[in-house]
Amino acid sequence: MVPSQLPVAPSGFMRRWGVYETAMVWAVDRPELEMRLITGWEMDSDGLGWTLELKQGVQFHGGWGEMTAEDFVWSFEDEIRDGSIHSGIGLARATGARAEAVDIYTVSIRLDMFNSFFFEAFFGNGSGASTKVFSKKRIETLGVDAAFLDLSGGTGPFVFEKWAQGDEVVLEAFDRYHGTPSRLKTVRILEIKEPATQIAALKSGQVDASLVPAPLAEDVARDPRLGTLAFGVPGSQRLYPQGQFCMETTLAGEPVEPYPRPGYDPSKPWVGECNDPVSQENARKVRMAMSMAIDRQSIVDNILGGFGRPSYLPGVLPPLLDTVWQDRWFIPYDLDAARILLVEAGYPDGFDALIRITTGSHPLEVEMGQAVAQFLGALGGEVRTEVLTYSGNRPSVVARERSDLWFRSSSAGTAEPPELTQLRRNPENAFNPGLEVREPLAIIRRMDSITSRMRSIRFASSFTMVSVTISGLFPWFWPTKFWGSTRTEFWNGR
């Protein structure tokens, strides 16, 4: 494992499985960050940095010694170095972030400009940018190539015993863990792709816990041997109209390389010519027609069994949504109005499209993606689907190679601020949903230094309208996620 070479999905798994850790974690029962690898922190007087006091005695798996400030600084710097595919590289570069080991247990983080999202992004555990601490000695001893394949070096309550991607993960409790040890000694995680097979494995006792498709949650709960648990903030399902690569320079004025991007294809109806206002307006109409052609409530009712909510805002999840919602953001299901927009845009017979459905976050994401394809197909033209894993799709995302439609899920969990989510669209970042549009990023840059709640809501409103109308980031619904288990003792850790 090497920070700069880890895509966001495996990086997130390593943290959620309890193998690697961040400086702080979100509390389970309240909206607060709790300290994990640090014992204290203080913001610098100018607001442009923080001093972190590391917890002493934290041991790395594999006998790589005690965690020190050198390990923390090295991990942070490797995440954001040139060539990194880490999700936080754009935010770090935009703010001029740098780290320094003050002494063996003290780290100083400094920025060139104030940013309201940086602290939670890098030091909490709710973001793809979260800094996980790796053993510097391990990388230097093994070399980068060998270290990438090596499973040791974390600090969490569990140690990797096996990780066969796409098949099985085996975790063993770490007997030198610095915190409260797990009551579970061994955890096996199996990848079972079909929801029906997952439920069969749960009922037969082959597995102790499994994701449960929402429509089957009540059936599972009726089994006296089983129990169900809804968890986290609902994940978000959204459709990215890829190919809108219209930024020749970053917000800082640096040239975007390569430009044009490999995935820029103005012949796609939802893309248009970047420098042609008429073409861009027609592409906007196509994107709005696509959004109006989807019956979100029908998918919630018929595929999710009512366990979910239609969504209209990119990246804004409950409970934040309910505090900022404005009625003008509602997009009705209106097939006739959608067809009128397509006629105005020059596509009276509809258009052909490919939707790439990536898996790994929700047991019904393929069914939801195929339903979206059927709704879009009602506009005319042939809408095909292709199913692949998120990790399999990500290299083309990082390389900016795609100009088709991408239907993807995000996991349930903490509600990441939408502004932070959108920062990943920065041309300097590794992750990209298939579009680079200046207007939303410019609004985010202005939001970075806001401390007033009212001003933040005002800018968030502008950002939302720009995201929906200009870049066409289409969210569809938030499905509730359920775990099923074969015994209540599993949830109690006994």
Protein backbone atom coordinates (compact mmCIF):
# COMPACT_ATOMS: atom_id res chain seq x y z
CA MET A 1 0.00 0.00 0.00
CA VAL A 2 1.34 3.43 -1.05
CA PRO A 3 -0.76 6.61 -0.51
CA SER A 4 -0.15 8.21 -3.92
CA GLN A 5 -1.06 5.03 -5.81
CA LEU A 6 -4.37 4.23 -4.11
CA PRO A 7 -7.65 4.94 -5.90
CA VAL A 8 -10.42 6.34 -3.71
CA ALA A 9 -12.39 3.07 -3.44
CA PRO A 10 -9.61 0.80 -2.05
CA SER A 11 -8.39 3.71 0.07
CA GLY A 12 -11.85 4.05 1.58
CA PHE A 13 -12.12 0.32 2.22
CA MET A 14 -8.81 0.30 4.09
CA ARG A 15 -10.15 2.95 6.43
CA ARG A 16 -13.66 1.55 6.85
CA TRP A 17 -12.35 -1.94 7.53
CA GLY A 18 -10.29 -0.61 10.43
CA VAL A 19 -6.83 -1.28 8.98
CA TYR A 20 -5.64 2.28 8.34
CA GLU A 21 -6.61 5.34 10.37
CA THR A 22 -6.97 9.10 10.12
CA ALA A 23 -6.16 11.82 12.63
CA MET A 24 -9.83 12.14 13.63
CA VAL A 25 -13.11 10.28 13.00
CA TRP A 26 -16.74 11.34 12.99
CA ALA A 27 -18.57 10.24 16.13
CA VAL A 28 -21.26 7.60 15.64
CA ASP A 29 -23.91 9.32 17.80
CA ARG A 30 -23.29 13.05 17.29
CA PRO A 31 -21.94 15.48 14.65
CA GLU A 32 -18.48 15.83 16.17
CA LEU A 33 -14.98 14.78 15.21
CA GLU A 34 -13.27 12.54 17.77
CA MET A 35 -9.51 12.21 18.04
CA ARG A 36 -7.97 8.96 16.85
CA LEU A 37 -4.29 9.37 15.92
CA ILE A 38 -3.92 12.74 17.63
CA THR A 39 -4.43 13.90 21.21
CA GLY A 40 -5.00 17.57 20.44
CA TRP A 41 -4.89 20.27 17.78
CA GLU A 42 -4.78 24.06 17.62
CA MET A 43 -5.40 26.48 14.78
CA ASP A 44 -2.62 28.96 14.09
CA SER A 45 -3.37 32.58 14.99
CA ASP A 46 -3.60 33.67 11.34
CA GLY A 47 -6.08 30.91 10.47
CA LEU A 48 -3.76 29.47 7.83
CA GLY A 49 -2.63 26.34 9.60
CA TRP A 50 -2.91 23.86 12.42
CA THR A 51 -0.59 22.21 14.91
CA LEU A 52 -1.41 18.55 15.56
CA GLU A 53 -0.18 16.63 18.60
CA LEU A 54 0.19 12.96 17.70
CA LYS A 55 -0.80 10.16 20.02
CA GLN A 56 2.27 8.44 21.46
CA GLY A 57 2.79 4.69 21.42
CA VAL A 58 0.83 3.98 18.19
CA GLN A 59 2.38 0.89 16.56
CA PHE A 60 2.38 0.02 12.87
CA HIS A 61 1.30 -3.44 11.79
CA GLY A 62 4.11 -5.70 10.67
CA GLY A 63 6.67 -4.53 13.20
CA TRP A 64 7.46 -1.25 11.43
CA GLY A 65 7.75 0.63 14.72
CA GLU A 66 5.98 3.56 16.35
CA MET A 67 4.12 6.24 14.40
CA THR A 68 5.93 9.59 14.48
CA ALA A 69 5.54 13.02 12.91
CA GLU A 70 7.83 11.89 10.07
CA ASP A 71 5.32 9.18 9.12
CA PHE A 72 2.42 11.65 9.19
CA VAL A 73 4.26 14.24 7.09
CA TRP A 74 5.51 11.63 4.61
CA SER A 75 1.99 10.18 4.19
CA PHE A 76 0.50 13.63 3.57
CA GLU A 77 3.20 14.67 1.11
CA ASP A 78 3.07 11.41 -0.84
CA GLU A 79 -0.70 11.77 -1.25
CA ILE A 80 -0.31 15.13 -3.00
CA ARG A 81 2.95 14.66 -4.91
CA ASP A 82 3.17 14.90 -8.72
CA GLY A 83 1.66 11.84 -10.34
CA SER A 84 -0.54 10.97 -7.36
CA ILE A 85 -4.05 9.67 -8.03
CA HIS A 86 -5.22 10.62 -4.52
CA SER A 87 -8.58 12.42 -4.37
CA GLY A 88 -7.32 15.39 -2.35
CA ILE A 89 -4.51 16.53 -4.61
CA GLY A 90 -6.50 19.37 -6.21
CA LEU A 91 -7.57 20.91 -2.88
CA ALA A 92 -4.03 20.61 -1.48
CA ARG A 93 -2.47 22.30 -4.50
CA ALA A 94 -5.08 25.03 -4.68
CA THR A 95 -4.34 26.01 -1.08
CA GLY A 96 -0.56 25.57 -1.22
CA ALA A 97 -0.73 22.99 1.59
CA ARG A 98 2.50 21.74 3.16
CA ALA A 99 3.42 19.75 6.27
CA GLU A 100 6.38 19.87 8.65
CA ALA A 101 7.53 17.67 11.54
CA VAL A 102 8.08 20.12 14.42
CA ASP A 103 9.33 17.36 16.71
CA ILE A 104 8.84 13.60 17.03
CA TYR A 105 5.12 13.89 17.97
CA THR A 106 4.13 17.32 16.57
CA VAL A 107 3.04 18.19 13.03
CA SER A 108 2.49 21.63 11.53
CA ILE A 109 0.19 22.03 8.50
CA ARG A 110 0.29 25.38 6.68
CA LEU A 111 -1.78 26.83 3.81
CA ASP A 112 -1.17 29.81 1.54
CA MET A 113 -4.86 30.74 1.62
CA PHE A 114 -7.73 30.15 4.03
CA ASN A 115 -10.01 27.23 3.23
CA SER A 116 -13.06 26.29 5.28
CA PHE A 117 -13.11 22.65 4.11
CA PHE A 118 -9.47 21.63 4.34
CA PHE A 119 -9.40 20.48 7.98
CA GLU A 120 -12.32 18.05 7.76
CA ALA A 121 -11.24 16.89 4.30
CA PHE A 122 -7.76 15.77 5.30
CA PHE A 123 -7.96 15.09 9.04
CA GLY A 124 -11.48 13.64 9.37
CA ASN A 125 -12.64 10.30 7.96
CA GLY A 126 -15.65 11.37 5.89
CA SER A 127 -13.82 12.35 2.72
CA GLY A 128 -11.98 10.66 -0.10
CA ALA A 129 -9.17 13.12 0.67
CA SER A 130 -8.70 11.85 4.24
CA THR A 131 -5.02 11.39 5.13
CA LYS A 132 -4.29 7.87 6.33
CA VAL A 133 -0.95 7.46 8.08
CA PHE A 134 1.51 4.97 6.56
CA SER A 135 4.90 3.81 7.81
CA LYS A 136 7.64 5.79 6.06
CA LYS A 137 10.23 3.20 7.12
CA ARG A 138 8.22 0.46 5.41
CA ILE A 139 8.23 2.27 2.04
CA GLU A 140 11.94 3.11 2.29
CA THR A 141 12.84 -0.48 3.25
CA LEU A 142 10.68 -2.34 0.72
CA GLY A 143 10.71 0.15 -2.14
CA VAL A 144 7.60 1.59 -3.75
CA ASP A 145 6.74 -1.39 -5.98
CA ALA A 146 7.06 -4.01 -3.23
CA ALA A 147 5.33 -1.75 -0.69
CA PHE A 148 2.35 -1.33 -3.02
CA LEU A 149 1.75 -5.10 -2.89
CA ASP A 150 2.55 -5.44 0.81
CA LEU A 151 -0.43 -5.50 3.21
CA SER A 152 1.35 -4.40 6.40
CA GLY A 153 1.91 -0.92 7.79
CA GLY A 154 -1.49 0.27 9.08
CA THR A 155 -2.32 1.40 12.64
CA GLY A 156 -5.95 0.26 13.02
CA PRO A 157 -7.59 -2.42 15.17
CA PHE A 158 -7.40 -4.95 12.31
CA VAL A 159 -4.52 -6.32 10.24
CA PHE A 160 -4.82 -7.53 6.64
CA GLU A 161 -4.34 -11.29 6.54
CA LYS A 162 -5.55 -11.55 2.94
CA TRP A 163 -6.93 -9.23 0.27
CA ALA A 164 -7.93 -10.89 -2.99
CA GLN A 165 -9.70 -8.05 -4.80
CA GLY A 166 -13.07 -9.06 -6.19
CA ASP A 167 -13.14 -12.20 -4.04
CA GLU A 168 -12.26 -12.15 -0.33
CA VAL A 169 -10.70 -10.08 2.44
CA VAL A 170 -9.56 -11.58 5.75
CA LEU A 171 -8.84 -9.34 8.75
CA GLU A 172 -7.27 -10.34 12.07
CA ALA A 173 -7.46 -8.30 15.28
CA PHE A 174 -4.20 -6.39 15.98
CA ASP A 175 -2.97 -7.35 19.45
CA ARG A 176 -0.95 -4.15 19.89
CA TYR A 177 -3.73 -1.72 18.95
CA HIS A 178 -3.44 1.65 20.70
CA GLY A 179 -7.18 2.03 21.31
CA THR A 180 -10.04 -0.16 22.50
CA PRO A 181 -9.45 -3.61 20.95
CA SER A 182 -12.12 -5.25 18.83
CA ARG A 183 -14.13 -8.08 20.34
CA LEU A 184 -14.05 -9.77 16.93
CA LYS A 185 -10.89 -11.79 16.36
CA THR A 186 -11.33 -12.60 12.67
CA VAL A 187 -13.44 -10.96 9.98
CA ARG A 188 -13.97 -12.45 6.50
CA ILE A 189 -15.44 -10.17 3.85
CA LEU A 190 -16.76 -11.92 0.74
CA GLU A 191 -17.66 -10.19 -2.50
CA ILE A 192 -21.01 -11.63 -3.59
CA LYS A 193 -22.31 -9.69 -6.56
CA GLU A 194 -25.91 -10.90 -6.85
CA PRO A 195 -28.33 -9.55 -4.16
CA ALA A 196 -30.32 -12.81 -4.15
CA THR A 197 -27.13 -14.78 -3.50
CA GLN A 198 -26.24 -12.39 -0.67
CA ILE A 199 -29.59 -13.02 1.02
CA ALA A 200 -29.27 -16.78 0.51
CA ALA A 201 -25.83 -16.70 2.15
CA LEU A 202 -27.26 -14.71 5.07
CA LYS A 203 -30.20 -17.07 5.61
CA SER A 204 -28.05 -20.19 5.33
CA GLY A 205 -25.53 -18.90 7.86
CA GLN A 206 -22.68 -18.76 5.35
CA VAL A 207 -22.22 -15.11 6.35
CA ASP A 208 -23.08 -13.32 9.59
CA ALA A 209 -23.97 -9.98 8.02
CA SER A 210 -24.70 -8.65 4.56
CA LEU A 211 -26.03 -5.69 2.69
CA VAL A 212 -29.74 -6.21 2.13
CA PRO A 213 -31.64 -4.72 -0.82
CA ALA A 214 -34.19 -2.34 0.68
CA PRO A 215 -37.29 -4.09 -0.75
CA LEU A 216 -36.19 -7.33 0.96
CA ALA A 217 -35.41 -5.76 4.35
CA GLU A 218 -38.87 -6.46 5.80
CA ASP A 219 -38.74 -10.09 4.63
CA VAL A 220 -35.32 -10.55 6.25
CA ALA A 221 -36.52 -8.89 9.46
CA ARG A 222 -39.45 -11.34 9.71
CA ASP A 223 -37.03 -14.26 9.97
CA PRO A 224 -36.64 -14.88 13.74
CA ARG A 225 -32.96 -15.77 13.24
CA LEU A 226 -32.16 -12.51 11.47
CA GLY A 227 -32.19 -8.78 12.14
CA THR A 228 -31.87 -5.63 10.02
CA LEU A 229 -30.35 -2.23 10.61
CA ALA A 230 -30.65 0.94 8.52
CA PHE A 231 -27.39 2.84 8.71
CA GLY A 232 -25.74 6.12 7.84
CA VAL A 233 -26.84 9.05 5.75
CA PRO A 234 -28.36 7.65 2.52
CA GLY A 235 -25.94 7.17 -0.33
CA SER A 236 -26.49 9.17 -3.50
CA GLN A 237 -27.11 7.84 -7.02
CA ARG A 238 -26.24 10.22 -9.83
CA LEU A 239 -25.66 10.43 -13.58
CA TYR A 240 -22.63 12.29 -14.92
CA PRO A 241 -22.91 13.60 -18.51
CA GLN A 242 -19.22 13.20 -19.32
CA GLY A 243 -17.17 15.06 -21.91
CA GLN A 244 -17.62 18.71 -20.86
CA PHE A 245 -13.89 19.49 -20.70
CA CYS A 246 -13.98 23.23 -21.31
CA MET A 247 -11.18 24.62 -19.11
CA GLU A 248 -7.96 25.50 -20.93
CA THR A 249 -6.48 26.84 -17.69
CA THR A 250 -7.00 26.16 -14.00
CA LEU A 251 -8.56 28.83 -11.78
CA ALA A 252 -5.01 29.91 -10.93
CA GLY A 253 -4.28 30.48 -14.63
CA GLU A 254 -2.02 27.45 -15.17
CA PRO A 255 -2.42 25.63 -18.51
CA VAL A 256 -4.45 22.43 -18.38
CA GLU A 257 -2.45 19.58 -19.89
CA PRO A 258 -3.27 17.89 -22.10
CA TYR A 259 -5.80 20.19 -23.72
CA PRO A 260 -8.13 19.35 -25.28
CA ARG A 261 -8.78 16.40 -23.00
CA PRO A 262 -8.96 12.93 -24.64
CA GLY A 263 -12.62 12.63 -23.66
CA TYR A 264 -13.76 15.95 -25.13
CA ASP A 265 -16.31 15.05 -27.82
CA PRO A 266 -18.52 17.99 -28.90
CA SER A 267 -20.55 15.69 -31.13
CA LYS A 268 -22.20 14.21 -28.05
CA PRO A 269 -25.56 15.99 -27.57
CA TRP A 270 -24.91 16.75 -23.87
CA VAL A 271 -21.42 18.20 -24.51
CA GLY A 272 -21.47 20.73 -27.34
CA GLU A 273 -18.70 23.00 -28.62
CA CYS A 274 -16.97 24.70 -25.68
CA ASN A 275 -16.50 28.03 -27.49
CA ASP A 276 -19.86 28.17 -29.24
CA PRO A 277 -22.62 29.72 -27.05
CA VAL A 278 -25.41 28.35 -29.27
CA SER A 279 -23.98 24.84 -29.12
CA GLN A 280 -23.56 25.11 -25.36
CA GLU A 281 -27.16 26.23 -24.91
CA ASN A 282 -28.39 23.28 -26.99
CA ALA A 283 -26.28 20.91 -24.87
CA ARG A 284 -27.78 22.46 -21.72
CA LYS A 285 -31.28 21.79 -23.08
CA VAL A 286 -30.34 18.18 -23.77
CA ARG A 287 -29.07 17.75 -20.22
CA MET A 288 -32.22 19.29 -18.77
CA ALA A 289 -34.38 17.07 -21.01
CA MET A 290 -32.52 14.04 -19.68
CA SER A 291 -33.20 15.12 -16.12
CA MET A 292 -36.90 15.71 -16.81
CA ALA A 293 -37.24 12.31 -18.53
CA ILE A 294 -36.44 10.34 -15.37
CA ASP A 295 -39.32 9.41 -13.08
CA ARG A 296 -37.35 9.44 -9.84
CA GLN A 297 -40.29 8.59 -7.60
CA SER A 298 -41.12 5.54 -9.73
CA ILE A 299 -37.61 4.16 -9.20
CA VAL A 300 -37.85 4.81 -5.45
CA ASP A 301 -41.23 3.04 -5.30
CA ASN A 302 -40.65 0.12 -7.67
CA ILE A 303 -36.97 -0.73 -7.27
CA LEU A 304 -36.20 0.55 -3.78
CA GLY A 305 -39.55 -0.47 -2.32
CA GLY A 306 -40.14 3.08 -1.06
CA PHE A 307 -36.89 3.13 0.95
CA GLY A 308 -35.38 6.30 -0.45
CA ARG A 309 -36.07 9.85 -1.63
CA PRO A 310 -35.87 11.55 -5.03
CA SER A 311 -32.88 13.86 -5.32
CA TYR A 312 -32.43 17.05 -7.32
CA LEU A 313 -29.21 18.60 -6.00
CA PRO A 314 -25.69 17.38 -6.76
CA GLY A 315 -23.91 16.23 -3.63
CA VAL A 316 -26.37 17.70 -1.09
CA LEU A 317 -27.57 15.01 1.32
CA PRO A 318 -29.95 15.05 4.27
CA PRO A 319 -29.92 16.54 6.86
CA LEU A 320 -28.12 19.47 5.20
CA LEU A 321 -30.59 19.40 2.32
CA ASP A 322 -33.59 20.09 4.52
CA THR A 323 -31.99 23.28 5.88
CA VAL A 324 -31.14 24.82 2.48
CA TRP A 325 -33.86 23.47 0.14
CA GLN A 326 -35.50 25.89 -2.32
CA ASP A 327 -38.53 24.94 -4.42
CA ARG A 328 -36.94 26.25 -7.63
CA TRP A 329 -34.53 23.29 -7.53
CA PHE A 330 -37.35 20.79 -8.10
CA ILE A 331 -37.24 19.12 -11.54
CA PRO A 332 -40.56 17.53 -12.53
CA TYR A 333 -40.94 14.28 -14.43
CA ASP A 334 -42.34 15.65 -17.68
CA LEU A 335 -41.67 13.63 -20.81
CA ASP A 336 -43.55 16.05 -23.10
CA ALA A 337 -41.54 19.04 -21.90
CA ALA A 338 -38.34 17.02 -22.27
CA ARG A 339 -39.18 16.23 -25.91
CA ILE A 340 -39.84 19.90 -26.63
CA LEU A 341 -36.38 20.75 -25.29
CA LEU A 342 -34.83 18.08 -27.55
CA VAL A 343 -36.61 19.49 -30.59
CA GLU A 344 -35.29 22.96 -29.74
CA ALA A 345 -31.79 21.52 -29.33
CA GLY A 346 -31.92 19.81 -32.73
CA TYR A 347 -32.64 16.22 -31.64
CA PRO A 348 -36.32 15.61 -32.49
CA ASP A 349 -35.77 11.85 -32.73
CA GLY A 350 -33.73 11.56 -29.56
CA PHE A 351 -30.13 10.34 -29.48
CA ASP A 352 -28.06 7.23 -28.88
CA ALA A 353 -26.08 6.91 -25.66
CA LEU A 354 -24.05 4.53 -23.53
CA ILE A 355 -24.50 4.49 -19.74
CA ARG A 356 -21.60 3.00 -17.80
CA ILE A 357 -22.96 1.64 -14.50
CA THR A 358 -20.28 1.21 -11.86
CA THR A 359 -20.81 -1.18 -8.96
CA GLY A 360 -19.58 -1.49 -5.41
CA SER A 361 -21.75 0.77 -3.26
CA HIS A 362 -25.36 -0.43 -3.39
CA PRO A 363 -26.85 -3.89 -4.08
CA LEU A 364 -29.44 -2.48 -6.51
CA GLU A 365 -27.31 0.01 -8.42
CA VAL A 366 -27.43 -2.06 -11.64
CA GLU A 367 -31.23 -2.23 -11.52
CA MET A 368 -31.41 1.52 -10.87
CA GLY A 369 -29.00 2.30 -13.71
CA GLN A 370 -30.91 0.13 -16.15
CA ALA A 371 -34.16 1.87 -15.16
CA VAL A 372 -32.54 5.25 -15.91
CA ALA A 373 -31.52 3.89 -19.33
CA GLN A 374 -35.12 2.83 -20.06
CA PHE A 375 -36.45 6.27 -19.15
CA LEU A 376 -33.89 8.00 -21.37
CA GLY A 377 -34.68 5.56 -24.16
CA ALA A 378 -38.27 6.86 -24.14
CA LEU A 379 -36.90 10.10 -25.64
CA GLY A 380 -35.89 8.17 -28.78
CA GLY A 381 -32.63 6.58 -29.85
CA GLU A 382 -30.85 3.57 -28.39
CA VAL A 383 -29.56 3.79 -24.81
CA ARG A 384 -27.23 0.92 -23.96
CA THR A 385 -25.72 0.01 -20.59
CA GLU A 386 -22.35 -1.40 -19.61
CA VAL A 387 -21.66 -2.68 -16.09
CA LEU A 388 -18.19 -2.56 -14.51
CA THR A 389 -16.65 -2.03 -11.11
CA TYR A 390 -15.86 1.44 -9.82
CA SER A 391 -12.16 0.52 -9.63
CA GLY A 392 -12.26 -0.75 -13.20
CA ASN A 393 -13.75 2.51 -14.42
CA ARG A 394 -11.56 4.88 -12.42
CA PRO A 395 -8.41 4.87 -14.63
CA SER A 396 -10.42 6.31 -17.53
CA VAL A 397 -11.89 8.88 -15.11
CA VAL A 398 -8.46 10.01 -13.95
CA ALA A 399 -7.23 10.18 -17.58
CA ARG A 400 -10.29 12.27 -18.67
CA GLU A 401 -11.02 9.77 -21.45
CA ARG A 402 -14.81 9.37 -21.28
CA SER A 403 -17.61 11.25 -23.02
CA ASP A 404 -20.51 8.91 -22.36
CA LEU A 405 -22.92 8.83 -19.39
CA TRP A 406 -21.76 7.50 -16.02
CA PHE A 407 -24.26 6.20 -13.45
CA ARG A 408 -22.57 5.83 -10.09
CA SER A 409 -23.33 5.39 -6.43
CA SER A 410 -21.80 6.67 -3.24
CA SER A 411 -21.89 4.79 0.01
CA ALA A 412 -24.07 5.65 2.98
CA GLY A 413 -22.15 7.33 5.76
CA THR A 414 -21.22 10.85 6.76
CA ALA A 415 -22.68 13.67 4.68
CA GLU A 416 -19.70 15.27 2.99
CA PRO A 417 -20.16 19.03 2.31
CA PRO A 418 -21.27 19.40 -1.32
CA GLU A 419 -18.66 22.11 -1.91
CA LEU A 420 -15.92 19.70 -0.88
CA THR A 421 -17.35 17.04 -3.16
CA GLN A 422 -17.27 19.40 -6.11
CA LEU A 423 -13.67 20.44 -5.46
CA ARG A 424 -12.70 17.05 -6.86
CA ARG A 425 -13.76 18.34 -10.29
CA ASN A 426 -10.81 20.70 -10.28
CA PRO A 427 -8.63 20.07 -13.39
CA GLU A 428 -5.63 19.56 -11.10
CA ASN A 429 -7.25 16.70 -9.22
CA ALA A 430 -7.03 12.97 -9.84
CA PHE A 431 -10.73 12.10 -9.62
CA ASN A 432 -13.02 13.66 -12.20
CA PRO A 433 -16.61 12.83 -13.14
CA GLY A 434 -15.98 13.57 -16.82
CA LEU A 435 -16.38 17.34 -16.83
CA GLU A 436 -14.33 20.46 -16.13
CA VAL A 437 -16.44 23.62 -16.04
CA ARG A 438 -15.17 26.93 -14.71
CA GLU A 439 -18.31 28.51 -13.22
CA PRO A 440 -18.99 26.04 -10.36
CA LEU A 441 -15.32 25.99 -9.38
CA ALA A 442 -15.15 29.77 -9.33
CA ILE A 443 -18.08 29.89 -6.89
CA ILE A 444 -16.44 27.27 -4.70
CA ARG A 445 -13.24 29.31 -4.60
CA ARG A 446 -15.25 32.25 -3.26
CA MET A 447 -16.93 29.98 -0.70
CA ASP A 448 -13.61 28.77 0.68
CA SER A 449 -13.15 31.76 2.96
CA ILE A 450 -16.77 32.19 4.09
CA THR A 451 -17.50 31.91 7.81
CA SER A 452 -21.04 33.36 7.84
CA ARG A 453 -23.85 30.81 7.60
CA MET A 454 -26.13 33.13 5.60
CA ARG A 455 -23.41 33.98 3.07
CA SER A 456 -22.57 30.30 2.78
CA ILE A 457 -26.21 29.41 2.02
CA ARG A 458 -26.40 32.25 -0.54
CA PHE A 459 -23.29 31.03 -2.35
CA ALA A 460 -24.47 27.41 -2.07
CA SER A 461 -27.69 28.44 -3.81
CA SER A 462 -25.72 29.99 -6.67
CA PHE A 463 -23.45 26.98 -6.83
CA THR A 464 -26.40 24.58 -7.03
CA MET A 465 -28.07 26.42 -9.90
CA VAL A 466 -24.80 26.63 -11.82
CA SER A 467 -24.05 22.94 -11.25
CA VAL A 468 -27.47 21.80 -12.46
CA THR A 469 -27.88 24.18 -15.40
CA ILE A 470 -24.30 24.51 -16.66
CA SER A 471 -22.53 21.27 -15.82
CA GLY A 472 -25.60 19.04 -15.57
CA LEU A 473 -24.63 16.98 -12.52
CA PHE A 474 -27.81 14.93 -12.20
CA PRO A 475 -28.60 13.30 -8.86
CA TRP A 476 -31.55 10.93 -8.89
CA PHE A 477 -32.27 9.45 -5.47
CA TRP A 478 -30.95 8.58 -2.02
CA PRO A 479 -31.58 4.91 -1.32
CA THR A 480 -31.67 3.81 2.30
CA LYS A 481 -29.11 1.11 3.04
CA PHE A 482 -29.73 -1.91 5.24
CA TRP A 483 -27.52 -4.48 6.91
CA GLY A 484 -28.92 -7.86 7.78
CA SER A 485 -27.34 -10.12 10.42
CA THR A 486 -27.80 -13.67 11.63
CA ARG A 487 -27.54 -12.80 15.32
CA THR A 488 -27.90 -9.70 17.47
CA GLU A 489 -24.58 -10.51 19.13
CA PHE A 490 -22.84 -9.46 15.92
CA TRP A 491 -23.98 -5.85 16.32
CA ASN A 492 -23.05 -5.84 20.00
CA GLY A 493 -19.55 -7.10 19.29
CA ARG A 494 -20.00 -10.23 21.38
